[in-house]
Amino acid sequence: MQAHKSYKFFGLVITAFLLSLSFLLNAQTEPVFGPNDTIVVPAVTYNGEKLPYKDLPMVYVSNLSEKELAKYLEDWNRLRNAVYVTYPYARIAGRTINDINVHLAGANSKKQRKEYIKTREKELRTQFTTPMENLSVYQ
């Protein structure tokens, strides 16, 4: 009987020691970080809370087959490139038309209007004949 009580006492002492040891280990005031414990990520503020984010690559969602989608993207790129080439000319044409309209509003006779339009047309032909010849019909 005596040996049995000593085992209980020994078990109580070991349990108390382990509990106090775990309490001491968990009682650290500052966490210890290593050099590889932090990962820097971009963040965005949403409703006052900072959240990590990541840009994802473009994804096409379509009910087209792969072949139809490739054809659509080819047509789209062709149109986009044609607009890139012709847009500067369209801006110049718009400015020229606005300038002509402003000048013609101040013209008194039909003869003055025709003369001004002819001179501007001649200027535009000399300025844009060569670049326009290099454009395709599509452009």
Protein backbone atom coordinates (compact mmCIF):
# COMPACT_ATOMS: atom_id res chain seq x y z
CA MET A 1 0.00 0.00 0.00
CA GLN A 2 2.85 2.31 0.84
CA ALA A 3 4.44 1.91 -2.60
CA HIS A 4 1.16 2.78 -4.27
CA LYS A 5 0.93 6.13 -2.45
CA SER A 6 4.47 7.05 -3.44
CA TYR A 7 3.64 6.47 -7.11
CA LYS A 8 0.63 8.79 -6.78
CA PHE A 9 2.78 11.42 -5.11
CA PHE A 10 5.46 11.02 -7.77
CA GLY A 11 2.80 11.35 -10.50
CA LEU A 12 1.45 14.51 -8.86
CA VAL A 13 4.92 16.04 -8.66
CA ILE A 14 5.63 15.25 -12.33
CA THR A 15 2.24 16.67 -13.41
CA ALA A 16 2.79 19.85 -11.39
CA PHE A 17 6.26 20.21 -12.86
CA LEU A 18 5.03 19.79 -16.42
CA LEU A 19 2.16 22.25 -15.89
CA SER A 20 4.48 24.88 -14.44
CA LEU A 21 6.97 24.30 -17.26
CA SER A 22 4.28 24.72 -19.95
CA PHE A 23 3.03 27.86 -18.17
CA LEU A 24 6.54 29.33 -18.16
CA LEU A 25 7.07 28.50 -21.83
CA ASN A 26 3.77 30.12 -22.87
CA ALA A 27 4.36 33.22 -20.73
CA GLN A 28 6.87 34.82 -23.12
CA THR A 29 5.97 38.48 -23.59
CA GLU A 30 7.39 38.98 -27.09
CA PRO A 31 7.26 36.40 -29.85
CA VAL A 32 10.56 35.46 -31.39
CA PHE A 33 10.72 35.84 -35.18
CA GLY A 34 13.33 34.48 -37.50
CA PRO A 35 14.55 35.96 -40.80
CA ASN A 36 12.11 33.86 -42.85
CA ASP A 37 8.97 34.42 -40.75
CA THR A 38 7.67 37.47 -42.64
CA ILE A 39 6.29 37.54 -46.17
CA VAL A 40 5.74 40.99 -47.65
CA VAL A 41 2.64 41.15 -49.85
CA PRO A 42 0.76 44.02 -51.52
CA ALA A 43 -2.29 45.17 -49.62
CA VAL A 44 -5.45 47.15 -50.23
CA THR A 45 -7.68 48.88 -47.70
CA TYR A 46 -11.29 47.73 -47.84
CA ASN A 47 -13.86 49.04 -45.33
CA GLY A 48 -11.05 50.21 -43.05
CA GLU A 49 -9.39 46.79 -43.02
CA LYS A 50 -6.11 46.00 -44.76
CA LEU A 51 -6.33 42.91 -46.91
CA PRO A 52 -3.63 41.22 -48.99
CA TYR A 53 -4.25 41.07 -52.74
CA LYS A 54 -2.68 39.67 -55.86
CA ASP A 55 -3.17 40.60 -59.50
CA LEU A 56 -4.26 37.63 -61.54
CA PRO A 57 -3.60 37.14 -65.24
CA MET A 58 -6.35 37.96 -67.74
CA VAL A 59 -8.81 35.14 -68.30
CA TYR A 60 -11.22 34.94 -71.24
CA VAL A 61 -14.59 33.47 -70.36
CA SER A 62 -16.57 32.68 -73.47
CA ASN A 63 -18.93 30.17 -74.96
CA LEU A 64 -16.82 30.21 -78.15
CA SER A 65 -14.67 27.30 -79.15
CA GLU A 66 -10.90 27.70 -79.02
CA LYS A 67 -10.75 28.18 -82.79
CA GLU A 68 -13.55 30.79 -82.78
CA LEU A 69 -11.92 32.63 -79.88
CA ALA A 70 -8.57 32.72 -81.70
CA LYS A 71 -10.32 34.16 -84.79
CA TYR A 72 -12.13 36.77 -82.65
CA LEU A 73 -8.87 37.83 -80.96
CA GLU A 74 -7.13 38.02 -84.35
CA ASP A 75 -9.90 40.29 -85.71
CA TRP A 76 -9.82 42.40 -82.55
CA ASN A 77 -6.05 42.88 -82.75
CA ARG A 78 -6.32 43.82 -86.43
CA LEU A 79 -8.94 46.47 -85.65
CA ARG A 80 -6.97 47.79 -82.67
CA ASN A 81 -3.80 48.13 -84.73
CA ALA A 82 -5.71 49.89 -87.53
CA VAL A 83 -7.10 52.37 -84.99
CA TYR A 84 -3.62 52.99 -83.58
CA VAL A 85 -2.40 53.88 -87.09
CA THR A 86 -5.36 56.02 -88.18
CA TYR A 87 -6.29 57.79 -84.92
CA PRO A 88 -3.69 60.59 -85.26
CA TYR A 89 -5.03 61.39 -88.74
CA ALA A 90 -8.59 61.46 -87.40
CA ARG A 91 -7.58 63.94 -84.68
CA ILE A 92 -5.89 66.21 -87.23
CA ALA A 93 -8.95 65.99 -89.49
CA GLY A 94 -11.24 66.93 -86.58
CA ARG A 95 -9.12 69.94 -85.68
CA THR A 96 -8.99 71.01 -89.33
CA ILE A 97 -12.77 70.77 -89.73
CA ASN A 98 -13.32 72.79 -86.55
CA ASP A 99 -10.84 75.42 -87.77
CA ILE A 100 -12.56 75.61 -91.17
CA ASN A 101 -15.98 75.97 -89.53
CA VAL A 102 -14.74 78.79 -87.29
CA HIS A 103 -13.17 80.58 -90.26
CA LEU A 104 -16.23 80.09 -92.50
CA ALA A 105 -18.53 81.49 -89.80
CA GLY A 106 -16.71 84.81 -90.23
CA ALA A 107 -16.67 84.71 -94.04
CA ASN A 108 -19.11 87.09 -95.72
CA SER A 109 -19.32 85.87 -99.32
CA LYS A 110 -19.56 82.54 -101.01
CA LYS A 111 -16.40 83.34 -102.99
CA GLN A 112 -14.35 83.81 -99.79
CA ARG A 113 -15.63 80.46 -98.50
CA LYS A 114 -14.67 78.61 -101.69
CA GLU A 115 -11.21 80.19 -101.76
CA TYR A 116 -10.54 79.29 -98.11
CA ILE A 117 -11.77 75.71 -98.57
CA LYS A 118 -9.59 75.29 -101.70
CA THR A 119 -6.47 76.58 -99.93
CA ARG A 120 -7.03 74.29 -96.92
CA GLU A 121 -7.74 71.33 -99.20
CA LYS A 122 -4.51 71.99 -101.09
CA GLU A 123 -2.54 72.16 -97.81
CA LEU A 124 -4.08 68.89 -96.61
CA ARG A 125 -3.32 67.14 -99.90
CA THR A 126 0.35 68.11 -99.78
CA GLN A 127 0.61 67.17 -96.11
CA PHE A 128 -1.20 63.80 -96.21
CA THR A 129 -0.96 62.37 -99.73
CA THR A 130 2.13 60.27 -99.05
CA PRO A 131 1.09 58.94 -95.62
CA MET A 132 -2.41 58.09 -96.86
CA GLU A 133 -1.01 56.14 -99.80
CA ASN A 134 0.83 53.90 -97.35
CA LEU A 135 -2.39 52.95 -95.51
CA SER A 136 -4.30 49.81 -96.38
CA VAL A 137 -7.91 49.87 -97.56
CA TYR A 138 -8.97 48.41 -94.20
CA GLN A 139 -7.27 51.22 -92.33
